Amino acid sequence: MAPILSTFKNLLPLLALTTTTVLAETVAFETYYDTDCTQGIVTANVVLGYCVNIENFPMAAYTATVEDSSSGCDSGETLEIEIFEGTGCDESTTVIAEATVPQDCAAAVGTPQSIRLVCV
């Protein structure tokens, strides 16, 4: 039993570092029925490097808020959100919007089905 506990104690700092890194690259994304961003529809958390499929409700606007001040992008790059009309962040489908993050109540007409964060 003692060797397992010792191994676990050695892994704790690594687990904490990994968790901190992921949280620093997370953006809260929300879609709205109206252009004033008062009637929310869908909320999702997006992590840099991953595609998130969301419900396909028509939207008039969206917000993208960084959950932490560190974007995870290399020096000279900016964090952008890409919003797709197709699932799986398929680039062959229409891209509704591409914008830097954070984004306060941006107008965007379409029916999003997937989103992702990229560094450009």
PDB file of N, CA and C in Angstrom:
ATOM      1  N   MET A   1       0.811  -1.192   0.000  1.00  0.00           N
ATOM      2  CA  MET A   1       0.000   0.000   0.000  1.00  0.00           C
ATOM      3  C   MET A   1       0.858   1.261   0.000  1.00  0.00           C
ATOM      4  N   ALA A   2       1.949   1.265   0.714  1.00  0.00           N
ATOM      5  CA  ALA A   2       2.813   2.454   0.822  1.00  0.00           C
ATOM      6  C   ALA A   2       3.385   2.892  -0.525  1.00  0.00           C
ATOM      7  N   PRO A   3       3.842   1.972  -1.409  1.00  0.00           N
ATOM      8  CA  PRO A   3       4.368   2.432  -2.692  1.00  0.00           C
ATOM      9  C   PRO A   3       3.318   3.164  -3.540  1.00  0.00           C
ATOM     10  N   ILE A   4       2.081   2.727  -3.478  1.00  0.00           N
ATOM     11  CA  ILE A   4       1.022   3.373  -4.241  1.00  0.00           C
ATOM     12  C   ILE A   4       0.802   4.795  -3.730  1.00  0.00           C
ATOM     13  N   LEU A   5       0.774   4.946  -2.412  1.00  0.00           N
ATOM     14  CA  LEU A   5       0.595   6.260  -1.822  1.00  0.00           C
ATOM     15  C   LEU A   5       1.745   7.187  -2.172  1.00  0.00           C
ATOM     16  N   SER A   6       2.948   6.664  -2.166  1.00  0.00           N
ATOM     17  CA  SER A   6       4.126   7.457  -2.512  1.00  0.00           C
ATOM     18  C   SER A   6       4.054   7.917  -3.968  1.00  0.00           C
ATOM     19  N   THR A   7       3.645   7.029  -4.856  1.00  0.00           N
ATOM     20  CA  THR A   7       3.513   7.370  -6.270  1.00  0.00           C
ATOM     21  C   THR A   7       2.454   8.447  -6.467  1.00  0.00           C
ATOM     22  N   PHE A   8       1.335   8.305  -5.756  1.00  0.00           N
ATOM     23  CA  PHE A   8       0.263   9.285  -5.848  1.00  0.00           C
ATOM     24  C   PHE A   8       0.742  10.665  -5.392  1.00  0.00           C
ATOM     25  N   LYS A   9       1.475  10.716  -4.287  1.00  0.00           N
ATOM     26  CA  LYS A   9       1.999  11.984  -3.778  1.00  0.00           C
ATOM     27  C   LYS A   9       2.939  12.630  -4.791  1.00  0.00           C
ATOM     28  N   ASN A  10       3.706  11.820  -5.508  1.00  0.00           N
ATOM     29  CA  ASN A  10       4.616  12.353  -6.519  1.00  0.00           C
ATOM     30  C   ASN A  10       3.857  12.900  -7.729  1.00  0.00           C
ATOM     31  N   LEU A  11       2.684  12.360  -8.012  1.00  0.00           N
ATOM     32  CA  LEU A  11       1.898  12.796  -9.166  1.00  0.00           C
ATOM     33  C   LEU A  11       1.049  14.034  -8.896  1.00  0.00           C
ATOM     34  N   LEU A  12       0.772  14.325  -7.628  1.00  0.00           N
ATOM     35  CA  LEU A  12      -0.093  15.458  -7.303  1.00  0.00           C
ATOM     36  C   LEU A  12       0.376  16.783  -7.897  1.00  0.00           C
ATOM     37  N   PRO A  13       1.657  17.166  -7.794  1.00  0.00           N
ATOM     38  CA  PRO A  13       2.069  18.438  -8.418  1.00  0.00           C
ATOM     39  C   PRO A  13       1.855  18.457  -9.923  1.00  0.00           C
ATOM     40  N   LEU A  14       2.083  17.326 -10.581  1.00  0.00           N
ATOM     41  CA  LEU A  14       1.881  17.241 -12.022  1.00  0.00           C
ATOM     42  C   LEU A  14       0.402  17.400 -12.371  1.00  0.00           C
ATOM     43  N   LEU A  15      -0.472  16.763 -11.606  1.00  0.00           N
ATOM     44  CA  LEU A  15      -1.909  16.888 -11.841  1.00  0.00           C
ATOM     45  C   LEU A  15      -2.369  18.326 -11.635  1.00  0.00           C
ATOM     46  N   ALA A  16      -1.875  18.987 -10.629  1.00  0.00           N
ATOM     47  CA  ALA A  16      -2.243  20.375 -10.369  1.00  0.00           C
ATOM     48  C   ALA A  16      -1.790  21.270 -11.513  1.00  0.00           C
ATOM     49  N   LEU A  17      -0.596  21.052 -12.020  1.00  0.00           N
ATOM     50  CA  LEU A  17      -0.076  21.845 -13.131  1.00  0.00           C
ATOM     51  C   LEU A  17      -0.919  21.630 -14.382  1.00  0.00           C
ATOM     52  N   THR A  18      -1.295  20.398 -14.672  1.00  0.00           N
ATOM     53  CA  THR A  18      -2.115  20.082 -15.841  1.00  0.00           C
ATOM     54  C   THR A  18      -3.475  20.756 -15.741  1.00  0.00           C
ATOM     55  N   THR A  19      -4.092  20.695 -14.575  1.00  0.00           N
ATOM     56  CA  THR A  19      -5.397  21.311 -14.380  1.00  0.00           C
ATOM     57  C   THR A  19      -5.309  22.821 -14.578  1.00  0.00           C
ATOM     58  N   THR A  20      -4.299  23.443 -14.043  1.00  0.00           N
ATOM     59  CA  THR A  20      -4.124  24.882 -14.187  1.00  0.00           C
ATOM     60  C   THR A  20      -3.956  25.261 -15.654  1.00  0.00           C
ATOM     61  N   THR A  21      -3.195  24.492 -16.398  1.00  0.00           N
ATOM     62  CA  THR A  21      -2.959  24.782 -17.802  1.00  0.00           C
ATOM     63  C   THR A  21      -4.254  24.716 -18.603  1.00  0.00           C
ATOM     64  N   VAL A  22      -5.062  23.698 -18.379  1.00  0.00           N
ATOM     65  CA  VAL A  22      -6.312  23.549 -19.116  1.00  0.00           C
ATOM     66  C   VAL A  22      -7.263  24.696 -18.793  1.00  0.00           C
ATOM     67  N   LEU A  23      -7.370  25.065 -17.517  1.00  0.00           N
ATOM     68  CA  LEU A  23      -8.268  26.142 -17.139  1.00  0.00           C
ATOM     69  C   LEU A  23      -7.858  27.466 -17.768  1.00  0.00           C
ATOM     70  N   ALA A  24      -6.561  27.675 -17.957  1.00  0.00           N
ATOM     71  CA  ALA A  24      -6.080  28.928 -18.519  1.00  0.00           C
ATOM     72  C   ALA A  24      -6.442  29.058 -19.992  1.00  0.00           C
ATOM     73  N   GLU A  25      -6.817  27.991 -20.626  1.00  0.00           N
ATOM     74  CA  GLU A  25      -7.122  28.009 -22.055  1.00  0.00           C
ATOM     75  C   GLU A  25      -8.603  27.768 -22.323  1.00  0.00           C
ATOM     76  N   THR A  26      -9.446  28.084 -21.368  1.00  0.00           N
ATOM     77  CA  THR A  26     -10.880  27.837 -21.495  1.00  0.00           C
ATOM     78  C   THR A  26     -11.634  29.144 -21.734  1.00  0.00           C
ATOM     79  N   VAL A  27     -12.590  29.091 -22.657  1.00  0.00           N
ATOM     80  CA  VAL A  27     -13.421  30.255 -22.971  1.00  0.00           C
ATOM     81  C   VAL A  27     -14.884  29.858 -22.795  1.00  0.00           C
ATOM     82  N   ALA A  28     -15.647  30.724 -22.134  1.00  0.00           N
ATOM     83  CA  ALA A  28     -17.093  30.524 -22.001  1.00  0.00           C
ATOM     84  C   ALA A  28     -17.750  31.160 -23.227  1.00  0.00           C
ATOM     85  N   PHE A  29     -18.548  30.375 -23.932  1.00  0.00           N
ATOM     86  CA  PHE A  29     -19.219  30.809 -25.165  1.00  0.00           C
ATOM     87  C   PHE A  29     -20.717  30.743 -24.931  1.00  0.00           C
ATOM     88  N   GLU A  30     -21.436  31.794 -25.314  1.00  0.00           N
ATOM     89  CA  GLU A  30     -22.889  31.787 -25.168  1.00  0.00           C
ATOM     90  C   GLU A  30     -23.541  32.415 -26.393  1.00  0.00           C
ATOM     91  N   THR A  31     -24.639  31.807 -26.844  1.00  0.00           N
ATOM     92  CA  THR A  31     -25.402  32.354 -27.968  1.00  0.00           C
ATOM     93  C   THR A  31     -26.684  32.992 -27.427  1.00  0.00           C
ATOM     94  N   TYR A  32     -27.234  33.930 -28.224  1.00  0.00           N
ATOM     95  CA  TYR A  32     -28.413  34.691 -27.807  1.00  0.00           C
ATOM     96  C   TYR A  32     -29.426  34.804 -28.942  1.00  0.00           C
ATOM     97  N   TYR A  33     -30.716  34.880 -28.559  1.00  0.00           N
ATOM     98  CA  TYR A  33     -31.795  35.099 -29.523  1.00  0.00           C
ATOM     99  C   TYR A  33     -31.798  36.526 -30.047  1.00  0.00           C
ATOM    100  N   ASP A  34     -31.322  37.470 -29.220  1.00  0.00           N
ATOM    101  CA  ASP A  34     -31.408  38.885 -29.556  1.00  0.00           C
ATOM    102  C   ASP A  34     -30.018  39.501 -29.716  1.00  0.00           C
ATOM    103  N   THR A  35     -29.951  40.646 -30.369  1.00  0.00           N
ATOM    104  CA  THR A  35     -28.668  41.310 -30.601  1.00  0.00           C
ATOM    105  C   THR A  35     -28.169  42.083 -29.390  1.00  0.00           C
ATOM    106  N   ASP A  36     -28.981  42.182 -28.330  1.00  0.00           N
ATOM    107  CA  ASP A  36     -28.566  42.851 -27.092  1.00  0.00           C
ATOM    108  C   ASP A  36     -27.934  41.884 -26.091  1.00  0.00           C
ATOM    109  N   CYS A  37     -27.901  40.614 -26.433  1.00  0.00           N
ATOM    110  CA  CYS A  37     -27.333  39.572 -25.566  1.00  0.00           C
ATOM    111  C   CYS A  37     -28.009  39.522 -24.197  1.00  0.00           C
ATOM    112  N   THR A  38     -29.342  39.517 -24.217  1.00  0.00           N
ATOM    113  CA  THR A  38     -30.086  39.409 -22.959  1.00  0.00           C
ATOM    114  C   THR A  38     -30.862  38.093 -22.850  1.00  0.00           C
ATOM    115  N   GLN A  39     -31.152  37.439 -23.982  1.00  0.00           N
ATOM    116  CA  GLN A  39     -31.913  36.197 -23.974  1.00  0.00           C
ATOM    117  C   GLN A  39     -31.011  35.046 -24.425  1.00  0.00           C
ATOM    118  N   GLY A  40     -30.325  34.432 -23.452  1.00  0.00           N
ATOM    119  CA  GLY A  40     -29.370  33.373 -23.750  1.00  0.00           C
ATOM    120  C   GLY A  40     -30.027  32.095 -24.250  1.00  0.00           C
ATOM    121  N   ILE A  41     -29.304  31.388 -25.121  1.00  0.00           N
ATOM    122  CA  ILE A  41     -29.795  30.115 -25.657  1.00  0.00           C
ATOM    123  C   ILE A  41     -28.898  28.979 -25.200  1.00  0.00           C
ATOM    124  N   VAL A  42     -27.653  28.993 -25.662  1.00  0.00           N
ATOM    125  CA  VAL A  42     -26.713  27.896 -25.415  1.00  0.00           C
ATOM    126  C   VAL A  42     -25.462  28.448 -24.748  1.00  0.00           C
ATOM    127  N   THR A  43     -24.981  27.739 -23.745  1.00  0.00           N
ATOM    128  CA  THR A  43     -23.720  28.077 -23.097  1.00  0.00           C
ATOM    129  C   THR A  43     -22.815  26.860 -23.181  1.00  0.00           C
ATOM    130  N   ALA A  44     -21.548  27.086 -23.530  1.00  0.00           N
ATOM    131  CA  ALA A  44     -20.586  25.988 -23.620  1.00  0.00           C
ATOM    132  C   ALA A  44     -19.202  26.497 -23.235  1.00  0.00           C
ATOM    133  N   ASN A  45     -18.398  25.628 -22.655  1.00  0.00           N
ATOM    134  CA  ASN A  45     -16.998  25.943 -22.390  1.00  0.00           C
ATOM    135  C   ASN A  45     -16.156  25.292 -23.469  1.00  0.00           C
ATOM    136  N   VAL A  46     -15.240  26.075 -24.033  1.00  0.00           N
ATOM    137  CA  VAL A  46     -14.397  25.612 -25.130  1.00  0.00           C
ATOM    138  C   VAL A  46     -12.946  25.664 -24.669  1.00  0.00           C
ATOM    139  N   VAL A  47     -12.210  24.579 -24.941  1.00  0.00           N
ATOM    140  CA  VAL A  47     -10.797  24.508 -24.583  1.00  0.00           C
ATOM    141  C   VAL A  47      -9.972  24.569 -25.857  1.00  0.00           C
ATOM    142  N   LEU A  48      -8.916  25.363 -25.828  1.00  0.00           N
ATOM    143  CA  LEU A  48      -8.031  25.521 -26.976  1.00  0.00           C
ATOM    144  C   LEU A  48      -7.602  24.160 -27.507  1.00  0.00           C
ATOM    145  N   GLY A  49      -7.769  23.960 -28.813  1.00  0.00           N
ATOM    146  CA  GLY A  49      -7.350  22.724 -29.450  1.00  0.00           C
ATOM    147  C   GLY A  49      -8.432  21.673 -29.577  1.00  0.00           C
ATOM    148  N   TYR A  50      -9.621  21.938 -29.036  1.00  0.00           N
ATOM    149  CA  TYR A  50     -10.708  20.965 -29.099  1.00  0.00           C
ATOM    150  C   TYR A  50     -11.928  21.570 -29.783  1.00  0.00           C
ATOM    151  N   CYS A  51     -12.691  20.702 -30.430  1.00  0.00           N
ATOM    152  CA  CYS A  51     -13.942  21.095 -31.058  1.00  0.00           C
ATOM    153  C   CYS A  51     -15.086  20.727 -30.115  1.00  0.00           C
ATOM    154  N   VAL A  52     -16.059  21.631 -29.983  1.00  0.00           N
ATOM    155  CA  VAL A  52     -17.225  21.371 -29.141  1.00  0.00           C
ATOM    156  C   VAL A  52     -18.474  21.468 -30.006  1.00  0.00           C
ATOM    157  N   ASN A  53     -19.238  20.392 -30.067  1.00  0.00           N
ATOM    158  CA  ASN A  53     -20.530  20.421 -30.758  1.00  0.00           C
ATOM    159  C   ASN A  53     -21.562  21.005 -29.811  1.00  0.00           C
ATOM    160  N   ILE A  54     -22.433  21.873 -30.339  1.00  0.00           N
ATOM    161  CA  ILE A  54     -23.455  22.505 -29.512  1.00  0.00           C
ATOM    162  C   ILE A  54     -24.811  22.339 -30.178  1.00  0.00           C
ATOM    163  N   GLU A  55     -25.872  22.640 -29.417  1.00  0.00           N
ATOM    164  CA  GLU A  55     -27.229  22.570 -29.962  1.00  0.00           C
ATOM    165  C   GLU A  55     -27.354  23.542 -31.127  1.00  0.00           C
ATOM    166  N   ASN A  56     -28.139  23.187 -32.103  1.00  0.00           N
ATOM    167  CA  ASN A  56     -28.257  24.021 -33.301  1.00  0.00           C
ATOM    168  C   ASN A  56     -29.504  24.894 -33.272  1.00  0.00           C
ATOM    169  N   PHE A  57     -29.481  25.894 -32.381  1.00  0.00           N
ATOM    170  CA  PHE A  57     -30.540  26.890 -32.318  1.00  0.00           C
ATOM    171  C   PHE A  57     -30.093  28.134 -33.076  1.00  0.00           C
ATOM    172  N   PRO A  58     -30.988  28.779 -33.821  1.00  0.00           N
ATOM    173  CA  PRO A  58     -30.609  30.019 -34.511  1.00  0.00           C
ATOM    174  C   PRO A  58     -30.190  31.083 -33.498  1.00  0.00           C
ATOM    175  N   MET A  59     -29.159  31.855 -33.845  1.00  0.00           N
ATOM    176  CA  MET A  59     -28.696  32.898 -32.940  1.00  0.00           C
ATOM    177  C   MET A  59     -28.638  34.234 -33.655  1.00  0.00           C
ATOM    178  N   ALA A  60     -28.708  35.313 -32.867  1.00  0.00           N
ATOM    179  CA  ALA A  60     -28.567  36.662 -33.396  1.00  0.00           C
ATOM    180  C   ALA A  60     -27.259  37.289 -32.928  1.00  0.00           C
ATOM    181  N   ALA A  61     -26.706  36.753 -31.817  1.00  0.00           N
ATOM    182  CA  ALA A  61     -25.460  37.297 -31.276  1.00  0.00           C
ATOM    183  C   ALA A  61     -24.801  36.247 -30.375  1.00  0.00           C
ATOM    184  N   TYR A  62     -23.562  36.525 -29.982  1.00  0.00           N
ATOM    185  CA  TYR A  62     -22.837  35.626 -29.086  1.00  0.00           C
ATOM    186  C   TYR A  62     -21.822  36.416 -28.256  1.00  0.00           C
ATOM    187  N   THR A  63     -21.390  35.798 -27.186  1.00  0.00           N
ATOM    188  CA  THR A  63     -20.281  36.332 -26.387  1.00  0.00           C
ATOM    189  C   THR A  63     -19.257  35.225 -26.214  1.00  0.00           C
ATOM    190  N   ALA A  64     -18.005  35.618 -26.044  1.00  0.00           N
ATOM    191  CA  ALA A  64     -16.913  34.681 -25.785  1.00  0.00           C
ATOM    192  C   ALA A  64     -16.037  35.316 -24.716  1.00  0.00           C
ATOM    193  N   THR A  65     -16.032  34.722 -23.529  1.00  0.00           N
ATOM    194  CA  THR A  65     -15.339  35.288 -22.384  1.00  0.00           C
ATOM    195  C   THR A  65     -14.221  34.370 -21.931  1.00  0.00           C
ATOM    196  N   VAL A  66     -13.016  34.912 -21.815  1.00  0.00           N
ATOM    197  CA  VAL A  66     -11.872  34.130 -21.343  1.00  0.00           C
ATOM    198  C   VAL A  66     -12.056  33.870 -19.860  1.00  0.00           C
ATOM    199  N   GLU A  67     -11.930  32.614 -19.467  1.00  0.00           N
ATOM    200  CA  GLU A  67     -12.086  32.238 -18.070  1.00  0.00           C
ATOM    201  C   GLU A  67     -10.848  32.563 -17.246  1.00  0.00           C
ATOM    202  N   ASP A  68      -9.722  32.783 -17.900  1.00  0.00           N
ATOM    203  CA  ASP A  68      -8.469  33.115 -17.227  1.00  0.00           C
ATOM    204  C   ASP A  68      -7.729  34.114 -18.103  1.00  0.00           C
ATOM    205  N   SER A  69      -6.849  34.919 -17.516  1.00  0.00           N
ATOM    206  CA  SER A  69      -6.173  35.964 -18.285  1.00  0.00           C
ATOM    207  C   SER A  69      -5.129  35.423 -19.254  1.00  0.00           C
ATOM    208  N   SER A  70      -4.709  34.182 -19.106  1.00  0.00           N
ATOM    209  CA  SER A  70      -3.713  33.597 -20.005  1.00  0.00           C
ATOM    210  C   SER A  70      -4.410  32.844 -21.124  1.00  0.00           C
ATOM    211  N   SER A  71      -4.085  33.170 -22.379  1.00  0.00           N
ATOM    212  CA  SER A  71      -4.784  32.545 -23.509  1.00  0.00           C
ATOM    213  C   SER A  71      -4.172  31.218 -23.931  1.00  0.00           C
ATOM    214  N   GLY A  72      -2.915  30.972 -23.598  1.00  0.00           N
ATOM    215  CA  GLY A  72      -2.277  29.741 -24.022  1.00  0.00           C
ATOM    216  C   GLY A  72      -1.658  29.824 -25.401  1.00  0.00           C
ATOM    217  N   CYS A  73      -1.773  30.963 -26.064  1.00  0.00           N
ATOM    218  CA  CYS A  73      -1.186  31.143 -27.391  1.00  0.00           C
ATOM    219  C   CYS A  73       0.272  31.583 -27.252  1.00  0.00           C
ATOM    220  N   ASP A  74       1.050  31.292 -28.273  1.00  0.00           N
ATOM    221  CA  ASP A  74       2.444  31.722 -28.300  1.00  0.00           C
ATOM    222  C   ASP A  74       2.517  33.245 -28.423  1.00  0.00           C
ATOM    223  N   SER A  75       3.662  33.789 -28.092  1.00  0.00           N
ATOM    224  CA  SER A  75       3.891  35.220 -28.189  1.00  0.00           C
ATOM    225  C   SER A  75       3.626  35.700 -29.618  1.00  0.00           C
ATOM    226  N   GLY A  76       2.883  36.779 -29.744  1.00  0.00           N
ATOM    227  CA  GLY A  76       2.564  37.320 -31.059  1.00  0.00           C
ATOM    228  C   GLY A  76       1.301  36.741 -31.676  1.00  0.00           C
ATOM    229  N   GLU A  77       0.738  35.691 -31.081  1.00  0.00           N
ATOM    230  CA  GLU A  77      -0.501  35.092 -31.587  1.00  0.00           C
ATOM    231  C   GLU A  77      -1.681  35.597 -30.761  1.00  0.00           C
ATOM    232  N   THR A  78      -2.858  35.572 -31.371  1.00  0.00           N
ATOM    233  CA  THR A  78      -4.076  35.925 -30.652  1.00  0.00           C
ATOM    234  C   THR A  78      -5.025  34.740 -30.636  1.00  0.00           C
ATOM    235  N   LEU A  79      -5.855  34.693 -29.622  1.00  0.00           N
ATOM    236  CA  LEU A  79      -6.846  33.630 -29.476  1.00  0.00           C
ATOM    237  C   LEU A  79      -8.083  34.020 -30.272  1.00  0.00           C
ATOM    238  N   GLU A  80      -8.558  33.096 -31.124  1.00  0.00           N
ATOM    239  CA  GLU A  80      -9.759  33.325 -31.922  1.00  0.00           C
ATOM    240  C   GLU A  80     -10.746  32.197 -31.705  1.00  0.00           C
ATOM    241  N   ILE A  81     -12.027  32.538 -31.824  1.00  0.00           N
ATOM    242  CA  ILE A  81     -13.069  31.519 -31.790  1.00  0.00           C
ATOM    243  C   ILE A  81     -13.622  31.386 -33.206  1.00  0.00           C
ATOM    244  N   GLU A  82     -13.839  30.156 -33.622  1.00  0.00           N
ATOM    245  CA  GLU A  82     -14.445  29.872 -34.931  1.00  0.00           C
ATOM    246  C   GLU A  82     -15.783  29.183 -34.677  1.00  0.00           C
ATOM    247  N   ILE A  83     -16.821  29.662 -35.331  1.00  0.00           N
ATOM    248  CA  ILE A  83     -18.175  29.148 -35.145  1.00  0.00           C
ATOM    249  C   ILE A  83     -18.641  28.554 -36.471  1.00  0.00           C
ATOM    250  N   PHE A  84     -19.011  27.268 -36.455  1.00  0.00           N
ATOM    251  CA  PHE A  84     -19.360  26.536 -37.675  1.00  0.00           C
ATOM    252  C   PHE A  84     -20.846  26.173 -37.719  1.00  0.00           C
ATOM    253  N   GLU A  85     -21.405  26.152 -38.924  1.00  0.00           N
ATOM    254  CA  GLU A  85     -22.789  25.690 -39.095  1.00  0.00           C
ATOM    255  C   GLU A  85     -22.877  24.169 -39.114  1.00  0.00           C
ATOM    256  N   GLY A  86     -21.773  23.486 -39.275  1.00  0.00           N
ATOM    257  CA  GLY A  86     -21.768  22.027 -39.275  1.00  0.00           C
ATOM    258  C   GLY A  86     -21.152  21.473 -37.998  1.00  0.00           C
ATOM    259  N   THR A  87     -21.396  20.207 -37.731  1.00  0.00           N
ATOM    260  CA  THR A  87     -20.814  19.571 -36.550  1.00  0.00           C
ATOM    261  C   THR A  87     -19.359  19.202 -36.808  1.00  0.00           C
ATOM    262  N   GLY A  88     -18.624  18.971 -35.739  1.00  0.00           N
ATOM    263  CA  GLY A  88     -17.243  18.506 -35.835  1.00  0.00           C
ATOM    264  C   GLY A  88     -16.259  19.552 -36.327  1.00  0.00           C
ATOM    265  N   CYS A  89     -16.648  20.825 -36.300  1.00  0.00           N
ATOM    266  CA  CYS A  89     -15.779  21.925 -36.773  1.00  0.00           C
ATOM    267  C   CYS A  89     -15.267  21.643 -38.176  1.00  0.00           C
ATOM    268  N   ASP A  90     -16.162  21.106 -38.994  1.00  0.00           N
ATOM    269  CA  ASP A  90     -15.827  20.746 -40.364  1.00  0.00           C
ATOM    270  C   ASP A  90     -15.656  22.002 -41.201  1.00  0.00           C
ATOM    271  N   GLU A  91     -14.444  22.232 -41.682  1.00  0.00           N
ATOM    272  CA  GLU A  91     -14.147  23.448 -42.434  1.00  0.00           C
ATOM    273  C   GLU A  91     -14.832  23.495 -43.796  1.00  0.00           C
ATOM    274  N   SER A  92     -15.425  22.388 -44.227  1.00  0.00           N
ATOM    275  CA  SER A  92     -16.150  22.412 -45.499  1.00  0.00           C
ATOM    276  C   SER A  92     -17.539  23.021 -45.325  1.00  0.00           C
ATOM    277  N   THR A  93     -17.968  23.227 -44.058  1.00  0.00           N
ATOM    278  CA  THR A  93     -19.256  23.884 -43.815  1.00  0.00           C
ATOM    279  C   THR A  93     -19.026  25.378 -43.626  1.00  0.00           C
ATOM    280  N   THR A  94     -20.101  26.126 -43.591  1.00  0.00           N
ATOM    281  CA  THR A  94     -20.017  27.576 -43.462  1.00  0.00           C
ATOM    282  C   THR A  94     -19.472  27.972 -42.097  1.00  0.00           C
ATOM    283  N   VAL A  95     -18.518  28.889 -42.106  1.00  0.00           N
ATOM    284  CA  VAL A  95     -18.026  29.475 -40.863  1.00  0.00           C
ATOM    285  C   VAL A  95     -18.857  30.725 -40.614  1.00  0.00           C
ATOM    286  N   ILE A  96     -19.621  30.713 -39.524  1.00  0.00           N
ATOM    287  CA  ILE A  96     -20.508  31.836 -39.204  1.00  0.00           C
ATOM    288  C   ILE A  96     -19.687  33.044 -38.771  1.00  0.00           C
ATOM    289  N   ALA A  97     -18.676  32.812 -37.947  1.00  0.00           N
ATOM    290  CA  ALA A  97     -17.885  33.934 -37.435  1.00  0.00           C
ATOM    291  C   ALA A  97     -16.502  33.463 -37.029  1.00  0.00           C
ATOM    292  N   GLU A  98     -15.547  34.365 -37.157  1.00  0.00           N
ATOM    293  CA  GLU A  98     -14.210  34.189 -36.633  1.00  0.00           C
ATOM    294  C   GLU A  98     -13.876  35.494 -35.927  1.00  0.00           C
ATOM    295  N   ALA A  99     -13.540  35.431 -34.659  1.00  0.00           N
ATOM    296  CA  ALA A  99     -13.296  36.666 -33.917  1.00  0.00           C
ATOM    297  C   ALA A  99     -12.283  36.443 -32.810  1.00  0.00           C
ATOM    298  N   THR A 100     -11.588  37.504 -32.463  1.00  0.00           N
ATOM    299  CA  THR A 100     -10.660  37.419 -31.344  1.00  0.00           C
ATOM    300  C   THR A 100     -11.451  37.301 -30.053  1.00  0.00           C
ATOM    301  N   VAL A 101     -10.821  36.718 -29.061  1.00  0.00           N
ATOM    302  CA  VAL A 101     -11.449  36.535 -27.756  1.00  0.00           C
ATOM    303  C   VAL A 101     -10.702  37.420 -26.778  1.00  0.00           C
ATOM    304  N   PRO A 102     -11.340  38.152 -25.890  1.00  0.00           N
ATOM    305  CA  PRO A 102     -12.773  38.100 -25.584  1.00  0.00           C
ATOM    306  C   PRO A 102     -13.609  38.865 -26.602  1.00  0.00           C
ATOM    307  N   GLN A 103     -14.881  38.520 -26.661  1.00  0.00           N
ATOM    308  CA  GLN A 103     -15.818  39.128 -27.595  1.00  0.00           C
ATOM    309  C   GLN A 103     -17.085  39.476 -26.809  1.00  0.00           C
ATOM    310  N   ASP A 104     -17.421  40.758 -26.749  1.00  0.00           N
ATOM    311  CA  ASP A 104     -18.608  41.211 -26.027  1.00  0.00           C
ATOM    312  C   ASP A 104     -19.770  41.395 -26.989  1.00  0.00           C
ATOM    313  N   CYS A 105     -20.783  40.605 -26.851  1.00  0.00           N
ATOM    314  CA  CYS A 105     -22.031  40.728 -27.587  1.00  0.00           C
ATOM    315  C   CYS A 105     -21.837  41.085 -29.061  1.00  0.00           C
ATOM    316  N   ALA A 106     -21.330  40.143 -29.808  1.00  0.00           N
ATOM    317  CA  ALA A 106     -21.088  40.329 -31.242  1.00  0.00           C
ATOM    318  C   ALA A 106     -22.258  39.769 -32.041  1.00  0.00           C
ATOM    319  N   ALA A 107     -22.712  40.520 -33.025  1.00  0.00           N
ATOM    320  CA  ALA A 107     -23.798  40.060 -33.888  1.00  0.00           C
ATOM    321  C   ALA A 107     -23.286  38.954 -34.803  1.00  0.00           C
ATOM    322  N   ALA A 108     -24.075  37.918 -34.961  1.00  0.00           N
ATOM    323  CA  ALA A 108     -23.738  36.808 -35.861  1.00  0.00           C
ATOM    324  C   ALA A 108     -25.014  36.054 -36.163  1.00  0.00           C
ATOM    325  N   VAL A 109     -25.406  36.049 -37.409  1.00  0.00           N
ATOM    326  CA  VAL A 109     -26.641  35.373 -37.795  1.00  0.00           C
ATOM    327  C   VAL A 109     -26.297  33.999 -38.331  1.00  0.00           C
ATOM    328  N   GLY A 110     -26.992  32.990 -37.835  1.00  0.00           N
ATOM    329  CA  GLY A 110     -26.769  31.633 -38.306  1.00  0.00           C
ATOM    330  C   GLY A 110     -27.242  30.631 -37.281  1.00  0.00           C
ATOM    331  N   THR A 111     -26.961  29.378 -37.554  1.00  0.00           N
ATOM    332  CA  THR A 111     -27.318  28.284 -36.652  1.00  0.00           C
ATOM    333  C   THR A 111     -26.046  27.502 -36.338  1.00  0.00           C
ATOM    334  N   PRO A 112     -25.346  27.863 -35.279  1.00  0.00           N
ATOM    335  CA  PRO A 112     -24.082  27.190 -34.966  1.00  0.00           C
ATOM    336  C   PRO A 112     -24.296  25.767 -34.492  1.00  0.00           C
ATOM    337  N   GLN A 113     -23.399  24.878 -34.906  1.00  0.00           N
ATOM    338  CA  GLN A 113     -23.447  23.495 -34.442  1.00  0.00           C
ATOM    339  C   GLN A 113     -22.121  23.050 -33.810  1.00  0.00           C
ATOM    340  N   SER A 114     -21.041  23.808 -34.057  1.00  0.00           N
ATOM    341  CA  SER A 114     -19.772  23.480 -33.410  1.00  0.00           C
ATOM    342  C   SER A 114     -18.904  24.725 -33.325  1.00  0.00           C
ATOM    343  N   ILE A 115     -18.012  24.716 -32.331  1.00  0.00           N
ATOM    344  CA  ILE A 115     -17.106  25.844 -32.101  1.00  0.00           C
ATOM    345  C   ILE A 115     -15.738  25.314 -31.697  1.00  0.00           C
ATOM    346  N   ARG A 116     -14.700  26.129 -31.949  1.00  0.00           N
ATOM    347  CA  ARG A 116     -13.359  25.773 -31.496  1.00  0.00           C
ATOM    348  C   ARG A 116     -12.537  27.043 -31.318  1.00  0.00           C
ATOM    349  N   LEU A 117     -11.494  26.921 -30.525  1.00  0.00           N
ATOM    350  CA  LEU A 117     -10.549  28.005 -30.309  1.00  0.00           C
ATOM    351  C   LEU A 117      -9.273  27.682 -31.058  1.00  0.00           C
ATOM    352  N   VAL A 118      -8.667  28.704 -31.655  1.00  0.00           N
ATOM    353  CA  VAL A 118      -7.405  28.543 -32.353  1.00  0.00           C
ATOM    354  C   VAL A 118      -6.519  29.748 -32.039  1.00  0.00           C
ATOM    355  N   CYS A 119      -5.218  29.562 -32.175  1.00  0.00           N
ATOM    356  CA  CYS A 119      -4.265  30.658 -32.065  1.00  0.00           C
ATOM    357  C   CYS A 119      -3.838  31.042 -33.471  1.00  0.00           C
ATOM    358  N   VAL A 120      -3.907  32.336 -33.784  1.00  0.00           N
ATOM    359  CA  VAL A 120      -3.516  32.807 -35.118  1.00  0.00           C
ATOM    360  C   VAL A 120      -2.517  33.944 -35.010  1.00  0.00           C
TER     361      VAL A 120
END
